[in-house]
């Protein structure tokens, strides 16, 4: 067997340069459609390039193939959730749950406070249930509909939704990433959450202030007639009342009771389908294919909503776009993107190409400030290269853990830094699993909403400032145990 060689810095740079060049070309040539195929091809070419480097360094194709398969396996749980979220959006549109949220949102939310309110609402919900994904797919989708009705910017609204969802997710003890980071770093969960407050809460407050300022200066539609028109379309096509919010309530209760995401979302989708049959009879009748009888027509329509989503024609093109969507099929492109991204990340990790960057970084990270800044940069870089927030927590966590201890830094410093750099930057990258997911449910490219996801941008920067100033950096005696 050929002996495996350690990669050089040039080896590590080659697939990165190929990836960045191809992704840049995909965005230039295809714009917002780059995630519908061009990005996947770019990731595949970069994967093959990394594999060639691995073969040169003595790795067998079998070893590399097993690494890619293992990398894809890591994402299967997320893919199952992703597919079921598609079904949930479809059934919740048909059941009137999302239209009802939009209807009441138009009644109670003042345009001047809308962006800040969206951020705060998503933060509270995500903290309660521990899931940024579920929050964005339910509350976030409805808030985008409200923004349309109020004549406000959907891209800014998406930034507010992302900011709130990731703030709540980051501080929730129910969140997977909030449990993963201290587990990797060797810290206590609740001590980790307490330590995160110092960077997370100020960042969120600053983001809220910016959203308040933007709301008061937003060019909101004062056309009451248009809002009345939207309300009329909603009431004319759906049975709108508080009972339509029961599917949402069921999902929130299940999540709060710590039921795993996949079964909880599945139950939410099924409840949505049952609610559609019970309360949206007129809507279903208007779309029914009665050629095989009414009962069969009902079954076919509701069944189809799970896999191909819901579509409606109201006579208003914008409302048709707003009230149509969902279905498992709508998530297949995102699934393809996630799989190709994780294949690339797996090859880069297996062949040591990611580690070579960390070793190079540690040579220049002499101070505590530069070490923490380097950790954050590594987490962001791993999110870009390996395209998954879990990898962006686990890989840098493993690589930097001993160095933090050697320098007399408590493990909560590392666990907080992993979240400051890894968790919250993941939705800002279109080919990352989180960025791809958010685009699939919010229908807005991460490159567009990223500049308005103020919390996600401010938090890593504030963490670096704290590190260099020595603010809330907890220490132990070098080489002592915690």
Protein backbone atom coordinates (compact mmCIF):
# COMPACT_ATOMS: atom_id res chain seq x y z
CA UNK A 1 0.00 0.00 0.00
CA UNK A 2 1.27 3.44 -0.90
CA UNK A 3 2.23 5.47 2.17
CA UNK A 4 0.01 8.47 2.88
CA UNK A 5 1.84 11.81 2.87
CA UNK A 6 0.99 14.92 4.79
CA UNK A 7 -0.44 17.56 2.44
CA UNK A 8 1.33 20.82 1.76
CA UNK A 9 -0.25 24.26 1.98
CA UNK A 10 -0.29 24.33 -1.84
CA UNK A 11 -2.19 21.02 -1.84
CA UNK A 12 -4.82 22.57 0.44
CA UNK A 13 -5.08 25.76 -1.59
CA UNK A 14 -5.65 24.11 -4.99
CA UNK A 15 -9.20 22.73 -4.35
CA UNK A 16 -10.14 25.91 -2.44
CA UNK A 17 -9.10 28.13 -5.34
CA UNK A 18 -10.99 25.87 -7.77
CA UNK A 19 -14.10 25.98 -5.57
CA UNK A 20 -14.09 29.74 -5.04
CA UNK A 21 -13.47 30.38 -8.75
CA UNK A 22 -16.25 28.05 -9.89
CA UNK A 23 -18.76 29.30 -7.29
CA UNK A 24 -17.96 32.88 -8.26
CA UNK A 25 -18.47 31.97 -11.92
CA UNK A 26 -21.77 30.26 -11.13
CA UNK A 27 -23.11 33.33 -9.33
CA UNK A 28 -21.89 35.63 -12.12
CA UNK A 29 -23.46 33.54 -14.88
CA UNK A 30 -26.66 32.38 -13.20
CA UNK A 31 -27.35 34.87 -10.40
CA UNK A 32 -30.05 33.72 -7.97
CA UNK A 33 -30.44 30.49 -9.94
CA UNK A 34 -26.88 29.41 -9.14
CA UNK A 35 -28.09 27.09 -6.35
CA UNK A 36 -30.38 25.25 -8.76
CA UNK A 37 -27.54 23.28 -10.34
CA UNK A 38 -24.47 25.42 -11.15
CA UNK A 39 -23.22 25.49 -7.52
CA UNK A 40 -23.65 21.72 -7.29
CA UNK A 41 -21.49 21.20 -10.38
CA UNK A 42 -18.87 23.59 -8.96
CA UNK A 43 -18.78 21.57 -5.73
CA UNK A 44 -18.45 18.30 -7.65
CA UNK A 45 -15.48 19.60 -9.69
CA UNK A 46 -13.85 20.89 -6.48
CA UNK A 47 -14.48 17.49 -4.85
CA UNK A 48 -12.78 15.68 -7.73
CA UNK A 49 -9.86 18.13 -7.48
CA UNK A 50 -9.48 17.43 -3.74
CA UNK A 51 -9.73 13.70 -4.46
CA UNK A 52 -6.89 13.97 -7.03
CA UNK A 53 -4.74 15.70 -4.41
CA UNK A 54 -5.60 12.87 -1.99
CA UNK A 55 -4.67 10.21 -4.55
CA UNK A 56 -1.36 11.99 -5.14
CA UNK A 57 -0.67 11.88 -1.43
CA UNK A 58 -1.25 8.13 -1.16
CA UNK A 59 -4.94 7.78 -0.35
CA UNK A 60 -6.85 5.07 -2.21
CA UNK A 61 -10.07 5.79 -4.09
CA UNK A 62 -11.87 3.35 -1.77
CA UNK A 63 -10.80 5.38 1.27
CA UNK A 64 -11.90 8.64 -0.33
CA UNK A 65 -15.20 7.14 -1.47
CA UNK A 66 -15.92 5.87 2.05
CA UNK A 67 -15.20 9.35 3.40
CA UNK A 68 -17.68 10.90 0.95
CA UNK A 69 -20.35 8.35 1.85
CA UNK A 70 -19.77 9.00 5.54
CA UNK A 71 -19.97 12.74 4.90
CA UNK A 72 -23.32 12.38 3.16
CA UNK A 73 -24.56 10.10 5.96
CA UNK A 74 -24.01 12.92 8.46
CA UNK A 75 -26.58 15.00 6.56
CA UNK A 76 -29.32 12.36 6.30
CA UNK A 77 -31.08 13.55 9.46
CA UNK A 78 -31.12 17.11 8.12
CA UNK A 79 -32.35 15.91 4.72
CA UNK A 80 -35.26 14.02 6.30
CA UNK A 81 -36.21 17.17 8.21
CA UNK A 82 -35.83 19.24 5.06
CA UNK A 83 -38.17 17.00 3.06
CA UNK A 84 -40.78 16.98 5.80
CA UNK A 85 -40.61 20.76 6.14
CA UNK A 86 -41.55 20.91 2.45
CA UNK A 87 -44.59 18.75 3.18
CA UNK A 88 -45.47 20.89 6.20
CA UNK A 89 -45.40 24.14 4.21
CA UNK A 90 -47.67 22.58 1.59
CA UNK A 91 -50.27 21.30 4.06
CA UNK A 92 -50.17 24.49 6.11
CA UNK A 93 -50.92 26.54 3.01
CA UNK A 94 -53.85 24.27 2.13
CA UNK A 95 -55.12 24.19 5.73
CA UNK A 96 -55.13 27.98 5.96
CA UNK A 97 -52.55 28.06 8.77
CA UNK A 98 -50.04 30.26 6.94
CA UNK A 99 -52.77 32.48 5.38
CA UNK A 100 -54.26 32.94 8.87
CA UNK A 101 -50.88 33.98 10.28
CA UNK A 102 -50.55 36.50 7.45
CA UNK A 103 -54.11 37.75 8.00
CA UNK A 104 -53.68 38.43 11.72
CA UNK A 105 -50.18 39.78 11.18
CA UNK A 106 -51.59 42.43 8.86
CA UNK A 107 -54.10 43.36 11.56
CA UNK A 108 -51.76 43.81 14.50
CA UNK A 109 -48.20 44.61 13.37
CA UNK A 110 -47.33 48.26 12.82
CA UNK A 111 -45.08 48.78 9.75
CA UNK A 112 -42.72 51.05 11.74
CA UNK A 113 -41.94 48.27 14.19
CA UNK A 114 -42.26 45.36 11.78
CA UNK A 115 -38.59 44.48 11.20
CA UNK A 116 -37.74 44.63 14.91
CA UNK A 117 -40.92 42.74 15.84
CA UNK A 118 -40.13 40.02 13.29
CA UNK A 119 -36.64 39.61 14.74
CA UNK A 120 -37.92 39.51 18.33
CA UNK A 121 -40.81 37.11 17.60
CA UNK A 122 -38.51 34.67 15.81
CA UNK A 123 -36.01 34.94 18.66
CA UNK A 124 -38.62 34.06 21.28
CA UNK A 125 -40.03 31.15 19.27
CA UNK A 126 -36.60 29.72 18.42
CA UNK A 127 -35.47 29.97 22.04
CA UNK A 128 -38.63 28.15 23.14
CA UNK A 129 -38.33 25.26 20.68
CA UNK A 130 -34.57 25.22 20.00
CA UNK A 131 -34.82 25.22 16.21
CA UNK A 132 -33.95 28.02 13.79
CA UNK A 133 -35.09 25.81 10.90
CA UNK A 134 -38.60 25.23 12.24
CA UNK A 135 -38.94 28.89 13.21
CA UNK A 136 -37.98 30.10 9.72
CA UNK A 137 -40.23 27.58 7.96
CA UNK A 138 -43.31 28.54 9.98
CA UNK A 139 -43.20 31.99 11.59
CA UNK A 140 -40.62 33.24 9.07
CA UNK A 141 -42.68 32.28 6.01
CA UNK A 142 -45.75 33.99 7.48
CA UNK A 143 -43.80 37.17 8.32
CA UNK A 144 -42.59 37.41 4.73
CA UNK A 145 -46.23 37.30 3.71
CA UNK A 146 -47.06 40.10 6.15
CA UNK A 147 -44.14 42.14 4.76
CA UNK A 148 -45.62 41.80 1.28
CA UNK A 149 -48.97 43.03 2.53
CA UNK A 150 -47.43 46.01 4.30
CA UNK A 151 -45.31 46.94 1.29
CA UNK A 152 -42.07 46.33 3.19
CA UNK A 153 -38.83 44.84 1.90
CA UNK A 154 -38.88 41.02 1.93
CA UNK A 155 -35.07 40.80 1.86
CA UNK A 156 -34.74 42.93 5.00
CA UNK A 157 -37.52 40.86 6.59
CA UNK A 158 -35.57 37.68 5.78
CA UNK A 159 -32.54 39.21 7.50
CA UNK A 160 -34.66 39.95 10.57
CA UNK A 161 -36.07 36.40 10.57
CA UNK A 162 -32.58 34.88 10.32
CA UNK A 163 -31.24 37.17 13.05
CA UNK A 164 -34.03 36.28 15.47
CA UNK A 165 -34.09 32.58 14.63
CA UNK A 166 -30.35 32.13 15.19
CA UNK A 167 -30.31 34.27 18.35
CA UNK A 168 -32.99 32.06 19.91
CA UNK A 169 -31.47 28.84 18.61
CA UNK A 170 -28.02 29.82 19.94
CA UNK A 171 -29.26 30.36 23.51
CA UNK A 172 -31.75 27.52 23.71
CA UNK A 173 -30.75 24.44 25.75
CA UNK A 174 -32.99 22.48 23.36
CA UNK A 175 -30.83 23.34 20.34
CA UNK A 176 -28.56 20.69 18.84
CA UNK A 177 -25.70 23.12 18.17
CA UNK A 178 -25.97 24.59 21.68
CA UNK A 179 -25.44 21.07 23.05
CA UNK A 180 -22.81 20.11 20.47
CA UNK A 181 -20.39 23.00 21.07
CA UNK A 182 -19.80 22.41 24.80
CA UNK A 183 -19.67 18.66 24.21
CA UNK A 184 -16.83 19.12 21.70
CA UNK A 185 -15.00 21.67 23.87
CA UNK A 186 -15.50 19.77 27.14
CA UNK A 187 -17.66 22.42 28.84
CA UNK A 188 -20.86 22.31 30.87
CA UNK A 189 -24.01 23.11 28.85
CA UNK A 190 -25.50 25.76 31.14
CA UNK A 191 -22.13 27.35 31.88
CA UNK A 192 -21.67 27.52 28.11
CA UNK A 193 -25.04 29.26 27.64
CA UNK A 194 -24.29 31.70 30.46
CA UNK A 195 -20.90 32.53 28.94
CA UNK A 196 -22.48 33.09 25.52
CA UNK A 197 -24.78 35.78 26.93
CA UNK A 198 -21.87 38.23 27.00
CA UNK A 199 -21.43 38.24 23.23
CA UNK A 200 -24.91 37.17 22.13
CA UNK A 201 -27.22 39.56 23.99
CA UNK A 202 -25.35 42.79 23.12
CA UNK A 203 -25.19 41.69 19.47
CA UNK A 204 -28.93 41.05 19.43
CA UNK A 205 -29.72 44.38 21.10
CA UNK A 206 -27.62 46.22 18.50
CA UNK A 207 -29.41 44.31 15.72
CA UNK A 208 -32.82 45.24 17.18
CA UNK A 209 -31.83 48.92 17.33
CA UNK A 210 -30.79 48.81 13.67
CA UNK A 211 -34.08 47.12 12.70
CA UNK A 212 -36.06 49.73 14.68
CA UNK A 213 -34.19 52.50 12.87
CA UNK A 214 -34.77 50.84 9.49
CA UNK A 215 -38.46 50.33 10.28
CA UNK A 216 -39.04 54.00 11.05
CA UNK A 217 -37.24 54.94 7.84
CA UNK A 218 -38.76 52.22 5.66
CA UNK A 219 -40.79 53.10 2.62
CA UNK A 220 -43.82 51.15 3.78
CA UNK A 221 -47.00 51.13 1.78
CA UNK A 222 -49.62 53.38 3.29
CA UNK A 223 -52.13 52.09 0.77
CA UNK A 224 -54.85 50.83 3.08
CA UNK A 225 -56.75 49.78 -0.02
CA UNK A 226 -54.04 47.28 -0.95
CA UNK A 227 -54.05 45.78 2.55
CA UNK A 228 -57.84 45.51 2.37
CA UNK A 229 -57.46 43.86 -1.02
CA UNK A 230 -55.04 41.27 0.39
CA UNK A 231 -57.29 40.63 3.37
CA UNK A 232 -60.21 40.19 0.96
CA UNK A 233 -58.26 37.65 -1.10
CA UNK A 234 -57.33 35.70 2.02
CA UNK A 235 -60.90 35.63 3.37
CA UNK A 236 -62.33 34.93 -0.08
CA UNK A 237 -60.22 31.83 -0.63
CA UNK A 238 -59.62 30.46 2.87
CA UNK A 239 -61.60 29.85 6.03
CA UNK A 240 -59.75 32.28 8.33
CA UNK A 241 -60.10 32.00 12.10
CA UNK A 242 -58.01 31.23 15.18
CA UNK A 243 -58.74 27.50 14.88
CA UNK A 244 -56.45 27.47 11.83
CA UNK A 245 -53.50 28.10 14.16
CA UNK A 246 -53.91 24.74 15.92
CA UNK A 247 -51.33 22.98 13.66
CA UNK A 248 -48.77 25.63 14.65
CA UNK A 249 -49.67 25.26 18.33
CA UNK A 250 -49.30 21.47 18.10
CA UNK A 251 -45.85 21.80 16.51
CA UNK A 252 -44.65 24.32 19.11
CA UNK A 253 -45.85 22.13 21.98
CA UNK A 254 -44.15 19.04 20.54
CA UNK A 255 -40.90 20.94 20.04
CA UNK A 256 -41.10 22.40 23.56
CA UNK A 257 -41.61 18.86 24.90
CA UNK A 258 -38.27 17.99 23.24
CA UNK A 259 -39.71 15.66 20.62
CA UNK A 260 -37.09 15.20 17.85
CA UNK A 261 -37.54 17.50 14.88
CA UNK A 262 -38.43 14.91 12.23
CA UNK A 263 -41.41 13.28 14.01
CA UNK A 264 -42.57 16.66 15.37
CA UNK A 265 -42.61 18.27 11.92
CA UNK A 266 -44.19 15.14 10.42
CA UNK A 267 -47.03 15.31 12.95
CA UNK A 268 -47.39 19.03 12.22
CA UNK A 269 -47.72 18.30 8.51
CA UNK A 270 -50.31 15.56 9.10
CA UNK A 271 -52.33 17.81 11.42
CA UNK A 272 -52.22 20.45 8.69
CA UNK A 273 -53.64 17.95 6.19
CA UNK A 274 -56.42 16.92 8.60
CA UNK A 275 -57.24 20.58 9.28
CA UNK A 276 -57.44 21.22 5.53
CA UNK A 277 -60.03 18.44 5.16
CA UNK A 278 -62.00 19.63 8.19
CA UNK A 279 -62.00 23.38 7.60
CA UNK A 280 -61.08 24.17 3.98
CA UNK A 281 -63.78 22.18 2.21
CA UNK A 282 -64.74 25.01 -0.17
CA UNK A 283 -61.11 25.55 -1.21
CA UNK A 284 -60.58 21.83 -1.81
CA UNK A 285 -63.84 21.62 -3.76
CA UNK A 286 -62.63 24.42 -6.06
CA UNK A 287 -59.48 22.43 -6.90
CA UNK A 288 -60.97 18.96 -6.89
CA UNK A 289 -60.53 16.45 -9.71
CA UNK A 290 -63.85 14.68 -9.40
CA UNK A 291 -63.36 12.29 -12.32
CA UNK A 292 -62.88 9.35 -9.91
CA UNK A 293 -65.42 10.49 -7.36
CA UNK A 294 -65.35 13.16 -4.66
CA UNK A 295 -63.73 11.02 -1.96
CA UNK A 296 -60.91 9.90 -4.24
CA UNK A 297 -60.51 13.51 -5.40
CA UNK A 298 -60.10 14.67 -1.79
CA UNK A 299 -57.49 12.01 -1.09
CA UNK A 300 -55.52 12.76 -4.27
CA UNK A 301 -55.45 16.51 -3.64
CA UNK A 302 -54.32 16.27 -0.02
CA UNK A 303 -51.85 13.48 -0.84
CA UNK A 304 -50.34 15.56 -3.64
CA UNK A 305 -49.90 18.50 -1.26
CA UNK A 306 -47.32 16.48 0.68
CA UNK A 307 -45.06 15.89 -2.32
CA UNK A 308 -45.77 18.67 -4.80
CA UNK A 309 -47.08 21.42 -2.53
CA UNK A 310 -50.06 23.68 -2.91
CA UNK A 311 -50.95 26.04 -5.74
CA UNK A 312 -53.73 28.60 -5.97
CA UNK A 313 -54.99 31.07 -8.55
CA UNK A 314 -56.58 34.12 -6.97
CA UNK A 315 -56.39 36.55 -9.88
CA UNK A 316 -53.55 38.43 -8.15
CA UNK A 317 -50.12 37.25 -9.33
CA UNK A 318 -48.26 38.40 -6.22
CA UNK A 319 -50.74 36.68 -3.93
CA UNK A 320 -50.56 33.52 -6.04
CA UNK A 321 -46.78 33.45 -5.51
CA UNK A 322 -47.21 34.14 -1.80
CA UNK A 323 -49.86 31.47 -1.18
CA UNK A 324 -48.40 28.72 -3.38
CA UNK A 325 -45.44 26.47 -2.63
CA UNK A 326 -44.13 23.72 -0.41
CA UNK A 327 -44.03 20.01 -1.07
CA UNK A 328 -41.17 17.55 -0.70
CA UNK A 329 -40.27 17.98 -4.36
CA UNK A 330 -39.45 21.64 -3.74
CA UNK A 331 -36.61 20.52 -1.45
CA UNK A 332 -34.87 18.16 -3.88
CA UNK A 333 -32.53 20.80 -5.33
CA UNK A 334 -31.52 21.80 -1.82
CA UNK A 335 -30.90 18.14 -0.96
CA UNK A 336 -28.66 17.83 -4.01
CA UNK A 337 -26.72 20.94 -2.93
CA UNK A 338 -26.25 19.63 0.62
CA UNK A 339 -24.99 16.25 -0.61
CA UNK A 340 -22.40 17.72 -2.99
CA UNK A 341 -21.25 20.24 -0.38
CA UNK A 342 -20.72 17.55 2.26
CA UNK A 343 -18.87 15.34 -0.23
CA UNK A 344 -16.36 18.13 -0.73
CA UNK A 345 -16.06 18.80 2.99
CA UNK A 346 -15.54 15.12 3.75
CA UNK A 347 -12.69 14.79 1.24
CA UNK A 348 -11.03 17.95 2.57
CA UNK A 349 -11.17 16.66 6.15
CA UNK A 350 -10.15 13.06 5.36
CA UNK A 351 -7.06 14.05 3.38
CA UNK A 352 -5.91 16.53 6.04
CA UNK A 353 -6.39 19.54 3.77
CA UNK A 354 -8.50 21.36 6.38
CA UNK A 355 -6.03 20.65 9.17
CA UNK A 356 -3.15 22.12 7.19
CA UNK A 357 -4.84 25.53 7.40
CA UNK A 358 -5.21 25.25 11.18
CA UNK A 359 -1.55 24.34 11.64
CA UNK A 360 -0.60 27.36 9.55
CA UNK A 361 -2.92 29.58 11.60
CA UNK A 362 -1.50 28.46 14.96
CA UNK A 363 1.98 29.51 13.87
CA UNK A 364 0.85 33.15 13.75
CA UNK A 365 -1.83 33.13 16.50
CA UNK A 366 0.45 34.13 19.37
CA UNK A 367 -1.95 36.10 21.61
CA UNK A 368 -5.29 35.10 23.14
CA UNK A 369 -7.03 37.62 20.92
CA UNK A 370 -5.44 36.24 17.77
CA UNK A 371 -6.20 32.65 18.85
CA UNK A 372 -9.91 33.37 19.33
CA UNK A 373 -10.04 35.43 16.13
CA UNK A 374 -8.32 32.55 14.31
CA UNK A 375 -10.84 30.07 15.73
CA UNK A 376 -13.72 32.20 14.48
CA UNK A 377 -12.06 32.56 11.08
CA UNK A 378 -11.55 28.78 10.94
CA UNK A 379 -15.22 28.17 11.80
CA UNK A 380 -16.33 30.58 9.07
CA UNK A 381 -13.89 29.03 6.62
CA UNK A 382 -15.11 25.53 7.49
CA UNK A 383 -18.69 26.69 6.93
CA UNK A 384 -17.63 27.87 3.48
CA UNK A 385 -15.52 24.84 2.58
CA UNK A 386 -17.20 21.94 4.40
CA UNK A 387 -20.64 23.57 4.02
CA UNK A 388 -22.20 22.37 7.26
CA UNK A 389 -22.54 24.04 10.67
CA UNK A 390 -21.98 20.79 12.58
CA UNK A 391 -18.66 20.23 10.81
CA UNK A 392 -17.83 23.92 11.44
CA UNK A 393 -18.23 23.25 15.18
CA UNK A 394 -16.71 19.76 15.47
CA UNK A 395 -13.61 20.11 13.27
CA UNK A 396 -12.29 23.44 14.69
CA UNK A 397 -13.32 22.28 18.17
CA UNK A 398 -11.17 19.16 17.91
CA UNK A 399 -8.27 21.05 16.37
CA UNK A 400 -8.12 23.94 18.86
CA UNK A 401 -9.15 22.19 22.10
CA UNK A 402 -5.64 21.29 23.26
CA UNK A 403 -4.27 24.71 22.31
CA UNK A 404 -6.86 26.51 24.47
CA UNK A 405 -6.02 24.30 27.43
CA UNK A 406 -2.28 24.71 26.86
CA UNK A 407 -2.70 28.49 26.97
CA UNK A 408 -4.68 28.38 30.22
CA UNK A 409 -8.08 29.22 28.69
CA UNK A 410 -11.21 27.61 30.11
CA UNK A 411 -13.17 25.36 27.79
CA UNK A 412 -16.19 27.69 27.76
CA UNK A 413 -14.08 30.20 25.83
CA UNK A 414 -13.72 27.65 23.03
CA UNK A 415 -17.35 26.47 23.14
CA UNK A 416 -18.61 30.07 22.94
CA UNK A 417 -16.21 30.86 20.11
CA UNK A 418 -17.34 27.79 18.14
CA UNK A 419 -20.90 29.11 18.25
CA UNK A 420 -19.91 32.74 17.61
CA UNK A 421 -18.05 31.66 14.49
CA UNK A 422 -19.68 28.41 13.38
CA UNK A 423 -23.37 28.30 14.27
CA UNK A 424 -24.50 31.76 13.26
CA UNK A 425 -22.50 32.27 10.05
CA UNK A 426 -23.84 29.07 8.44
CA UNK A 427 -27.09 30.59 7.01
CA UNK A 428 -25.12 33.35 5.25
CA UNK A 429 -23.51 30.91 2.78
CA UNK A 430 -25.78 29.72 -0.08
CA UNK A 431 -24.16 26.27 -0.47
CA UNK A 432 -23.99 25.60 3.26
CA UNK A 433 -26.70 23.24 4.52
CA UNK A 434 -28.27 26.07 6.55
CA UNK A 435 -28.02 28.66 3.78
CA UNK A 436 -29.51 26.22 1.26
CA UNK A 437 -32.32 25.38 3.66
CA UNK A 438 -33.17 29.02 4.37
CA UNK A 439 -33.27 29.80 0.67
CA UNK A 440 -35.59 26.86 0.07
CA UNK A 441 -38.15 28.00 2.67
CA UNK A 442 -37.81 31.79 2.48
CA UNK A 443 -37.17 31.81 -1.29
CA UNK A 444 -34.52 34.52 -0.92
CA UNK A 445 -30.84 34.03 -1.77
CA UNK A 446 -28.49 34.19 1.25
CA UNK A 447 -26.25 36.55 -0.71
CA UNK A 448 -29.19 38.98 -0.69
CA UNK A 449 -30.34 38.73 2.93
CA UNK A 450 -26.85 38.29 4.44
CA UNK A 451 -26.18 42.04 4.68
CA UNK A 452 -29.40 42.43 6.71
CA UNK A 453 -28.81 39.50 9.06
CA UNK A 454 -27.29 41.99 11.48
CA UNK A 455 -27.11 39.68 14.50
CA UNK A 456 -25.23 37.04 12.50
CA UNK A 457 -22.74 39.66 11.29
CA UNK A 458 -22.26 41.58 14.54
CA UNK A 459 -21.84 38.62 16.90
CA UNK A 460 -18.56 37.24 15.44
CA UNK A 461 -17.10 40.76 15.22
CA UNK A 462 -18.03 41.54 18.82
CA UNK A 463 -16.50 38.24 19.92
CA UNK A 464 -13.20 39.23 18.28
CA UNK A 465 -13.30 42.66 19.96
CA UNK A 466 -13.91 41.00 23.35
CA UNK A 467 -10.98 38.65 22.72
CA UNK A 468 -8.48 41.40 21.96
CA UNK A 469 -9.69 43.56 24.87
CA UNK A 470 -9.71 40.58 27.24
CA UNK A 471 -13.39 41.04 28.11
CA UNK A 472 -14.99 37.94 29.73
CA UNK A 473 -12.10 35.65 28.79
CA UNK A 474 -12.00 33.05 31.57
CA UNK A 475 -8.67 31.50 32.50
CA UNK A 476 -7.23 28.53 34.37
CA UNK A 477 -3.69 27.69 35.34
CA UNK A 478 -1.81 26.29 32.33
CA UNK A 479 -1.96 22.48 32.09
CA UNK A 480 -4.34 22.20 35.07
CA UNK A 481 -7.57 20.26 34.76
CA UNK A 482 -10.97 21.96 34.86
